[in-house]
Amino acid sequence: MRVTLAAVGRARGEPETALFNDYWKRAEAAGARLGFTGFATAIVDTSRGATAEARMREEAERLARKSPPIAHRVVCDQRGHSLTSDAFAANLARLRDSGASDVLFVIGGPDGLAAAIRDRAQQRIAFGPQTWPHLLVRVMLAEQIYRALTMLSGHPYDRA
């Protein structure tokens, strides 16, 4: 199963980018032994539209063009379900074992995600009820993916 992270907003040299890249590379290495065949990112620029609705619509169109056409879609949304690390790992394993070819994680921009993207998602997940900076959400998601893969491999990374 391929894993893609699609997000709005380019990071330019921030420490969060280095941290994200570190966890993403670790996930890629760990996933290769577990049937996760590729890790990709699809990053689009933040829209400069005049209204929040116009910006979200434009960002949704950009994300759609860069995303796998057929994928299990998971959006990061503060109104989504908070999962334990165990549940997150079990969900990834269930998707892989059910034969899903792709899983797509989507992170919106400063205005959030357009309803069109939220409504097409099979799952909504949250990192709690707080609002997090989008670059930190990328890091937290990459870390949770890496943690899930290490848990699935029996590695003691998660000591819960």
N, C-alpha and C. Protein backbone atom coordinates (compact mmCIF):
# COMPACT_ATOMS: atom_id res chain seq x y z
N MET A 1 0.85 -1.17 0.00
CA MET A 1 0.00 0.00 0.00
C MET A 1 0.89 1.24 0.00
N ARG A 2 0.54 2.19 -0.84
CA ARG A 2 1.26 3.46 -0.89
C ARG A 2 0.63 4.45 0.09
N VAL A 3 1.47 5.29 0.68
CA VAL A 3 1.02 6.31 1.64
C VAL A 3 1.39 7.68 1.05
N THR A 4 0.38 8.54 0.95
CA THR A 4 0.61 9.89 0.44
C THR A 4 0.10 10.90 1.45
N LEU A 5 0.89 11.93 1.68
CA LEU A 5 0.46 13.05 2.50
C LEU A 5 0.28 14.23 1.56
N ALA A 6 -0.95 14.76 1.50
CA ALA A 6 -1.25 15.94 0.70
C ALA A 6 -1.53 17.09 1.66
N ALA A 7 -0.88 18.22 1.44
CA ALA A 7 -1.03 19.34 2.37
C ALA A 7 -0.97 20.66 1.63
N VAL A 8 -1.59 21.65 2.25
CA VAL A 8 -1.58 23.01 1.72
C VAL A 8 -0.51 23.80 2.45
N GLY A 9 0.28 24.55 1.70
CA GLY A 9 1.27 25.45 2.30
C GLY A 9 2.67 24.90 2.24
N ARG A 10 3.51 25.57 1.54
CA ARG A 10 4.90 25.15 1.41
C ARG A 10 5.70 25.66 2.59
N ALA A 11 6.56 24.81 3.08
CA ALA A 11 7.47 25.18 4.15
C ALA A 11 8.81 25.52 3.51
N ARG A 12 9.43 26.54 3.99
CA ARG A 12 10.70 26.96 3.40
C ARG A 12 11.77 27.02 4.48
N GLY A 13 12.42 25.91 4.68
CA GLY A 13 13.56 25.88 5.57
C GLY A 13 13.25 25.89 7.05
N GLU A 14 12.00 25.72 7.43
CA GLU A 14 11.66 25.73 8.85
C GLU A 14 12.17 24.46 9.54
N PRO A 15 12.40 24.52 10.84
CA PRO A 15 12.82 23.32 11.56
C PRO A 15 11.77 22.21 11.48
N GLU A 16 10.50 22.59 11.34
CA GLU A 16 9.44 21.58 11.23
C GLU A 16 9.64 20.73 9.97
N THR A 17 10.15 21.34 8.92
CA THR A 17 10.39 20.60 7.67
C THR A 17 11.43 19.52 7.88
N ALA A 18 12.51 19.87 8.56
CA ALA A 18 13.57 18.88 8.83
C ALA A 18 13.03 17.74 9.68
N LEU A 19 12.23 18.07 10.67
CA LEU A 19 11.66 17.04 11.53
C LEU A 19 10.69 16.15 10.76
N PHE A 20 9.83 16.78 9.93
CA PHE A 20 8.92 16.00 9.09
C PHE A 20 9.71 15.04 8.20
N ASN A 21 10.72 15.57 7.51
CA ASN A 21 11.51 14.75 6.59
C ASN A 21 12.17 13.58 7.31
N ASP A 22 12.64 13.80 8.53
CA ASP A 22 13.25 12.73 9.31
C ASP A 22 12.25 11.61 9.59
N TYR A 23 11.06 11.95 10.10
CA TYR A 23 10.06 10.92 10.38
C TYR A 23 9.55 10.26 9.11
N TRP A 24 9.41 11.02 8.03
CA TRP A 24 8.90 10.46 6.77
C TRP A 24 9.89 9.44 6.21
N LYS A 25 11.19 9.74 6.28
CA LYS A 25 12.21 8.79 5.82
C LYS A 25 12.24 7.55 6.70
N ARG A 26 12.10 7.75 8.00
CA ARG A 26 12.05 6.59 8.91
C ARG A 26 10.83 5.71 8.59
N ALA A 27 9.69 6.36 8.35
CA ALA A 27 8.48 5.61 8.02
C ALA A 27 8.67 4.82 6.73
N GLU A 28 9.28 5.45 5.75
CA GLU A 28 9.52 4.78 4.47
C GLU A 28 10.39 3.54 4.66
N ALA A 29 11.45 3.66 5.46
CA ALA A 29 12.33 2.52 5.70
C ALA A 29 11.61 1.41 6.48
N ALA A 30 10.85 1.80 7.50
CA ALA A 30 10.13 0.80 8.30
C ALA A 30 9.01 0.16 7.50
N GLY A 31 8.33 0.95 6.68
CA GLY A 31 7.19 0.45 5.94
C GLY A 31 7.53 -0.54 4.85
N ALA A 32 8.71 -0.42 4.28
CA ALA A 32 9.11 -1.29 3.18
C ALA A 32 9.03 -2.77 3.57
N ARG A 33 9.33 -3.08 4.81
CA ARG A 33 9.31 -4.47 5.29
C ARG A 33 7.91 -4.94 5.66
N LEU A 34 6.94 -4.02 5.66
CA LEU A 34 5.60 -4.35 6.13
C LEU A 34 4.52 -4.25 5.06
N GLY A 35 4.93 -4.12 3.80
CA GLY A 35 3.96 -4.04 2.73
C GLY A 35 3.51 -2.63 2.38
N PHE A 36 4.22 -1.63 2.87
CA PHE A 36 3.93 -0.25 2.52
C PHE A 36 4.96 0.12 1.45
N THR A 37 4.50 0.23 0.21
CA THR A 37 5.40 0.23 -0.94
C THR A 37 5.90 1.59 -1.38
N GLY A 38 5.42 2.64 -0.81
CA GLY A 38 5.90 3.95 -1.20
C GLY A 38 5.34 5.05 -0.32
N PHE A 39 6.10 6.09 -0.19
CA PHE A 39 5.71 7.25 0.61
C PHE A 39 5.92 8.49 -0.24
N ALA A 40 4.86 9.26 -0.42
CA ALA A 40 4.94 10.44 -1.27
C ALA A 40 4.30 11.63 -0.56
N THR A 41 4.67 12.80 -1.01
CA THR A 41 4.03 14.03 -0.54
C THR A 41 3.50 14.79 -1.75
N ALA A 42 2.41 15.48 -1.53
CA ALA A 42 1.81 16.35 -2.54
C ALA A 42 1.50 17.66 -1.85
N ILE A 43 2.39 18.62 -2.00
CA ILE A 43 2.25 19.90 -1.32
C ILE A 43 1.84 20.96 -2.34
N VAL A 44 0.81 21.73 -1.99
CA VAL A 44 0.34 22.79 -2.88
C VAL A 44 0.45 24.13 -2.16
N ASP A 45 0.54 25.18 -2.95
CA ASP A 45 0.64 26.52 -2.39
C ASP A 45 -0.67 26.96 -1.76
N THR A 46 -0.55 27.79 -0.75
CA THR A 46 -1.72 28.41 -0.14
C THR A 46 -2.32 29.38 -1.16
N SER A 47 -3.64 29.34 -1.28
CA SER A 47 -4.32 30.22 -2.22
C SER A 47 -4.26 31.67 -1.76
N ARG A 48 -4.34 32.57 -2.70
CA ARG A 48 -4.41 34.01 -2.41
C ARG A 48 -5.80 34.55 -2.77
N GLY A 49 -6.79 33.67 -2.80
CA GLY A 49 -8.16 34.08 -3.13
C GLY A 49 -8.67 35.15 -2.18
N ALA A 50 -9.70 35.84 -2.61
CA ALA A 50 -10.22 36.99 -1.87
C ALA A 50 -10.99 36.59 -0.62
N THR A 51 -11.61 35.42 -0.61
CA THR A 51 -12.40 34.99 0.55
C THR A 51 -11.92 33.62 1.01
N ALA A 52 -12.25 33.27 2.24
CA ALA A 52 -11.88 31.96 2.76
C ALA A 52 -12.47 30.85 1.90
N GLU A 53 -13.72 31.01 1.50
CA GLU A 53 -14.38 29.99 0.66
C GLU A 53 -13.64 29.83 -0.67
N ALA A 54 -13.27 30.94 -1.29
CA ALA A 54 -12.54 30.88 -2.57
C ALA A 54 -11.17 30.23 -2.38
N ARG A 55 -10.50 30.55 -1.28
CA ARG A 55 -9.18 29.96 -1.02
C ARG A 55 -9.30 28.45 -0.82
N MET A 56 -10.26 28.03 0.00
CA MET A 56 -10.43 26.59 0.24
C MET A 56 -10.79 25.86 -1.05
N ARG A 57 -11.64 26.44 -1.87
CA ARG A 57 -12.04 25.81 -3.13
C ARG A 57 -10.83 25.65 -4.06
N GLU A 58 -10.04 26.71 -4.18
CA GLU A 58 -8.85 26.66 -5.04
C GLU A 58 -7.84 25.63 -4.51
N GLU A 59 -7.63 25.62 -3.20
CA GLU A 59 -6.70 24.65 -2.61
C GLU A 59 -7.20 23.22 -2.82
N ALA A 60 -8.51 23.02 -2.71
CA ALA A 60 -9.09 21.69 -2.93
C ALA A 60 -8.84 21.22 -4.36
N GLU A 61 -8.99 22.12 -5.32
CA GLU A 61 -8.73 21.77 -6.72
C GLU A 61 -7.26 21.40 -6.93
N ARG A 62 -6.38 22.15 -6.31
CA ARG A 62 -4.94 21.86 -6.44
C ARG A 62 -4.61 20.52 -5.80
N LEU A 63 -5.16 20.27 -4.61
CA LEU A 63 -4.92 18.99 -3.94
C LEU A 63 -5.45 17.83 -4.76
N ALA A 64 -6.61 17.98 -5.35
CA ALA A 64 -7.21 16.91 -6.14
C ALA A 64 -6.33 16.56 -7.34
N ARG A 65 -5.73 17.56 -7.96
CA ARG A 65 -4.86 17.30 -9.12
C ARG A 65 -3.60 16.54 -8.74
N LYS A 66 -3.15 16.67 -7.51
CA LYS A 66 -1.89 16.05 -7.09
C LYS A 66 -2.08 14.77 -6.28
N SER A 67 -3.31 14.37 -6.05
CA SER A 67 -3.60 13.22 -5.19
C SER A 67 -3.88 11.98 -6.02
N PRO A 68 -3.61 10.81 -5.45
CA PRO A 68 -3.96 9.58 -6.16
C PRO A 68 -5.47 9.54 -6.41
N PRO A 69 -5.89 9.15 -7.61
CA PRO A 69 -7.32 9.19 -7.93
C PRO A 69 -8.16 8.21 -7.11
N ILE A 70 -7.59 7.07 -6.81
CA ILE A 70 -8.31 6.07 -6.02
C ILE A 70 -7.49 5.82 -4.76
N ALA A 71 -8.01 6.25 -3.64
CA ALA A 71 -7.29 6.08 -2.38
C ALA A 71 -8.28 6.12 -1.24
N HIS A 72 -7.92 5.47 -0.15
CA HIS A 72 -8.67 5.64 1.09
C HIS A 72 -8.25 7.01 1.63
N ARG A 73 -9.20 7.92 1.76
CA ARG A 73 -8.89 9.30 2.13
C ARG A 73 -9.13 9.53 3.63
N VAL A 74 -8.10 10.09 4.27
CA VAL A 74 -8.16 10.43 5.69
C VAL A 74 -7.84 11.92 5.80
N VAL A 75 -8.79 12.70 6.30
CA VAL A 75 -8.52 14.12 6.47
C VAL A 75 -8.22 14.42 7.93
N CYS A 76 -7.28 15.32 8.13
CA CYS A 76 -6.98 15.81 9.47
C CYS A 76 -7.90 17.00 9.71
N ASP A 77 -8.75 16.86 10.72
CA ASP A 77 -9.78 17.86 10.98
C ASP A 77 -10.05 17.85 12.48
N GLN A 78 -10.01 19.00 13.11
CA GLN A 78 -10.16 19.04 14.57
C GLN A 78 -11.51 18.49 15.03
N ARG A 79 -12.47 18.37 14.12
CA ARG A 79 -13.77 17.76 14.47
C ARG A 79 -13.77 16.25 14.24
N GLY A 80 -12.63 15.71 13.82
CA GLY A 80 -12.52 14.28 13.58
C GLY A 80 -12.37 13.49 14.86
N HIS A 81 -12.15 12.20 14.70
CA HIS A 81 -11.98 11.31 15.84
C HIS A 81 -10.52 11.30 16.28
N SER A 82 -10.30 11.41 17.58
CA SER A 82 -8.97 11.25 18.12
C SER A 82 -8.71 9.76 18.30
N LEU A 83 -7.58 9.30 17.79
CA LEU A 83 -7.24 7.89 17.87
C LEU A 83 -6.03 7.71 18.78
N THR A 84 -6.02 6.63 19.51
CA THR A 84 -4.80 6.27 20.23
C THR A 84 -3.78 5.80 19.19
N SER A 85 -2.54 5.72 19.57
CA SER A 85 -1.52 5.23 18.65
C SER A 85 -1.81 3.78 18.25
N ASP A 86 -2.29 2.98 19.21
CA ASP A 86 -2.65 1.59 18.90
C ASP A 86 -3.76 1.53 17.85
N ALA A 87 -4.78 2.36 18.00
CA ALA A 87 -5.89 2.38 17.05
C ALA A 87 -5.44 2.88 15.69
N PHE A 88 -4.57 3.87 15.67
CA PHE A 88 -4.04 4.38 14.41
C PHE A 88 -3.26 3.29 13.68
N ALA A 89 -2.42 2.57 14.42
CA ALA A 89 -1.64 1.46 13.82
C ALA A 89 -2.57 0.36 13.31
N ALA A 90 -3.57 0.02 14.10
CA ALA A 90 -4.52 -1.02 13.68
C ALA A 90 -5.27 -0.60 12.42
N ASN A 91 -5.60 0.67 12.32
CA ASN A 91 -6.29 1.18 11.14
C ASN A 91 -5.41 1.06 9.89
N LEU A 92 -4.14 1.43 10.01
CA LEU A 92 -3.22 1.29 8.87
C LEU A 92 -3.09 -0.18 8.46
N ALA A 93 -2.96 -1.05 9.45
CA ALA A 93 -2.83 -2.48 9.15
C ALA A 93 -4.11 -3.01 8.49
N ARG A 94 -5.27 -2.58 8.96
CA ARG A 94 -6.53 -3.02 8.38
C ARG A 94 -6.64 -2.58 6.92
N LEU A 95 -6.26 -1.34 6.65
CA LEU A 95 -6.29 -0.86 5.27
C LEU A 95 -5.35 -1.67 4.38
N ARG A 96 -4.14 -1.88 4.84
CA ARG A 96 -3.17 -2.68 4.07
C ARG A 96 -3.70 -4.08 3.83
N ASP A 97 -4.20 -4.70 4.90
CA ASP A 97 -4.64 -6.09 4.80
C ASP A 97 -5.91 -6.26 3.99
N SER A 98 -6.69 -5.19 3.85
CA SER A 98 -7.92 -5.27 3.05
C SER A 98 -7.64 -5.10 1.57
N GLY A 99 -6.40 -4.81 1.22
CA GLY A 99 -6.03 -4.68 -0.18
C GLY A 99 -6.07 -3.27 -0.73
N ALA A 100 -6.22 -2.28 0.13
CA ALA A 100 -6.20 -0.89 -0.35
C ALA A 100 -4.85 -0.62 -1.01
N SER A 101 -4.88 0.00 -2.18
CA SER A 101 -3.63 0.27 -2.88
C SER A 101 -2.99 1.57 -2.40
N ASP A 102 -3.82 2.51 -1.95
CA ASP A 102 -3.32 3.82 -1.53
C ASP A 102 -4.11 4.32 -0.32
N VAL A 103 -3.40 5.00 0.57
CA VAL A 103 -4.05 5.77 1.63
C VAL A 103 -3.53 7.20 1.49
N LEU A 104 -4.46 8.14 1.52
CA LEU A 104 -4.14 9.54 1.35
C LEU A 104 -4.52 10.30 2.61
N PHE A 105 -3.55 10.94 3.23
CA PHE A 105 -3.80 11.81 4.38
C PHE A 105 -3.79 13.25 3.87
N VAL A 106 -4.80 14.03 4.26
CA VAL A 106 -4.93 15.39 3.76
C VAL A 106 -4.94 16.38 4.91
N ILE A 107 -4.11 17.42 4.78
CA ILE A 107 -4.04 18.50 5.76
C ILE A 107 -4.34 19.80 5.02
N GLY A 108 -5.32 20.53 5.51
CA GLY A 108 -5.73 21.78 4.85
C GLY A 108 -4.81 22.94 5.17
N GLY A 109 -5.18 24.07 4.63
CA GLY A 109 -4.42 25.30 4.84
C GLY A 109 -4.95 26.09 6.02
N PRO A 110 -4.58 27.35 6.12
CA PRO A 110 -4.99 28.19 7.25
C PRO A 110 -6.51 28.32 7.42
N ASP A 111 -7.25 28.22 6.32
CA ASP A 111 -8.71 28.34 6.40
C ASP A 111 -9.39 26.99 6.61
N GLY A 112 -8.62 25.92 6.57
CA GLY A 112 -9.20 24.58 6.71
C GLY A 112 -9.37 23.93 5.35
N LEU A 113 -10.20 22.89 5.32
CA LEU A 113 -10.45 22.13 4.10
C LEU A 113 -11.83 22.43 3.56
N ALA A 114 -11.93 22.48 2.25
CA ALA A 114 -13.23 22.66 1.60
C ALA A 114 -14.12 21.46 1.91
N ALA A 115 -15.41 21.71 1.97
CA ALA A 115 -16.37 20.64 2.24
C ALA A 115 -16.25 19.52 1.22
N ALA A 116 -15.92 19.85 -0.01
CA ALA A 116 -15.78 18.82 -1.04
C ALA A 116 -14.74 17.78 -0.67
N ILE A 117 -13.66 18.20 -0.04
CA ILE A 117 -12.63 17.24 0.39
C ILE A 117 -13.08 16.49 1.64
N ARG A 118 -13.61 17.21 2.60
CA ARG A 118 -14.07 16.56 3.83
C ARG A 118 -15.15 15.52 3.53
N ASP A 119 -16.06 15.85 2.60
CA ASP A 119 -17.17 14.94 2.29
C ASP A 119 -16.73 13.70 1.53
N ARG A 120 -15.61 13.77 0.81
CA ARG A 120 -15.11 12.61 0.07
C ARG A 120 -14.26 11.69 0.94
N ALA A 121 -13.91 12.12 2.13
CA ALA A 121 -13.02 11.34 2.99
C ALA A 121 -13.76 10.17 3.62
N GLN A 122 -13.06 9.06 3.72
CA GLN A 122 -13.60 7.90 4.43
C GLN A 122 -13.41 8.04 5.93
N GLN A 123 -12.43 8.83 6.33
CA GLN A 123 -12.16 9.03 7.75
C GLN A 123 -11.75 10.46 8.02
N ARG A 124 -12.08 10.92 9.23
CA ARG A 124 -11.59 12.20 9.74
C ARG A 124 -10.89 11.90 11.06
N ILE A 125 -9.67 12.36 11.17
CA ILE A 125 -8.94 12.18 12.42
C ILE A 125 -8.54 13.54 12.98
N ALA A 126 -8.33 13.57 14.28
CA ALA A 126 -7.95 14.81 14.95
C ALA A 126 -6.80 14.53 15.90
N PHE A 127 -5.97 15.51 16.07
CA PHE A 127 -4.91 15.46 17.09
C PHE A 127 -5.38 16.25 18.30
N GLY A 128 -6.60 15.96 18.74
CA GLY A 128 -7.21 16.64 19.86
C GLY A 128 -8.05 17.81 19.40
N PRO A 129 -8.74 18.47 20.33
CA PRO A 129 -9.64 19.56 19.96
C PRO A 129 -8.94 20.89 19.71
N GLN A 130 -7.66 20.96 19.99
CA GLN A 130 -6.94 22.22 19.78
C GLN A 130 -6.72 22.48 18.29
N THR A 131 -6.42 23.72 17.99
CA THR A 131 -5.99 24.08 16.64
C THR A 131 -4.47 24.09 16.64
N TRP A 132 -3.88 23.34 15.68
CA TRP A 132 -2.43 23.22 15.60
C TRP A 132 -1.93 23.91 14.34
N PRO A 133 -0.71 24.46 14.37
CA PRO A 133 -0.12 24.98 13.13
C PRO A 133 0.02 23.84 12.12
N HIS A 134 -0.23 24.15 10.87
CA HIS A 134 -0.27 23.11 9.86
C HIS A 134 1.06 22.39 9.69
N LEU A 135 2.17 23.10 9.86
CA LEU A 135 3.46 22.43 9.75
C LEU A 135 3.67 21.45 10.90
N LEU A 136 3.17 21.78 12.08
CA LEU A 136 3.28 20.84 13.20
C LEU A 136 2.38 19.62 13.00
N VAL A 137 1.22 19.82 12.38
CA VAL A 137 0.34 18.68 12.10
C VAL A 137 1.05 17.71 11.16
N ARG A 138 1.77 18.24 10.18
CA ARG A 138 2.53 17.35 9.29
C ARG A 138 3.53 16.52 10.07
N VAL A 139 4.25 17.17 10.99
CA VAL A 139 5.23 16.46 11.79
C VAL A 139 4.54 15.41 12.66
N MET A 140 3.44 15.80 13.32
CA MET A 140 2.74 14.85 14.20
C MET A 140 2.20 13.68 13.41
N LEU A 141 1.67 13.92 12.23
CA LEU A 141 1.15 12.84 11.41
C LEU A 141 2.28 11.91 10.95
N ALA A 142 3.38 12.48 10.48
CA ALA A 142 4.51 11.66 10.06
C ALA A 142 5.03 10.82 11.22
N GLU A 143 5.09 11.42 12.41
CA GLU A 143 5.56 10.66 13.58
C GLU A 143 4.60 9.54 13.91
N GLN A 144 3.30 9.79 13.84
CA GLN A 144 2.32 8.75 14.15
C GLN A 144 2.36 7.62 13.12
N ILE A 145 2.58 7.96 11.86
CA ILE A 145 2.72 6.93 10.84
C ILE A 145 3.96 6.08 11.14
N TYR A 146 5.07 6.74 11.44
CA TYR A 146 6.29 6.01 11.79
C TYR A 146 6.06 5.15 13.04
N ARG A 147 5.44 5.73 14.06
CA ARG A 147 5.16 4.98 15.28
C ARG A 147 4.30 3.76 14.97
N ALA A 148 3.26 3.95 14.15
CA ALA A 148 2.37 2.84 13.80
C ALA A 148 3.15 1.72 13.12
N LEU A 149 4.01 2.07 12.21
CA LEU A 149 4.78 1.05 11.49
C LEU A 149 5.74 0.31 12.41
N THR A 150 6.36 1.04 13.34
CA THR A 150 7.24 0.35 14.28
C THR A 150 6.44 -0.57 15.20
N MET A 151 5.25 -0.14 15.58
CA MET A 151 4.41 -0.99 16.41
C MET A 151 4.01 -2.25 15.64
N LEU A 152 3.67 -2.09 14.37
CA LEU A 152 3.28 -3.25 13.56
C LEU A 152 4.44 -4.22 13.34
N SER A 153 5.66 -3.71 13.40
CA SER A 153 6.83 -4.58 13.22
C SER A 153 7.30 -5.21 14.54
N GLY A 154 6.66 -4.82 15.64
CA GLY A 154 7.05 -5.38 16.94
C GLY A 154 8.19 -4.64 17.60
N HIS A 155 8.62 -3.53 17.04
CA HIS A 155 9.71 -2.73 17.60
C HIS A 155 9.20 -2.02 18.86
N PRO A 156 10.06 -1.86 19.85
CA PRO A 156 9.61 -1.25 21.11
C PRO A 156 9.56 0.28 21.11
N TYR A 157 9.43 0.92 19.94
CA TYR A 157 9.37 2.39 19.89
C TYR A 157 8.25 2.93 20.76
N ASP A 158 7.09 2.26 20.71
CA ASP A 158 5.95 2.71 21.51
C ASP A 158 5.98 1.96 22.84
N ARG A 159 6.11 2.68 23.90
CA ARG A 159 6.21 2.04 25.22
C ARG A 159 4.96 2.29 26.05
N ALA A 160 3.83 2.47 25.38
CA ALA A 160 2.57 2.76 26.08
C ALA A 160 2.15 1.61 26.96
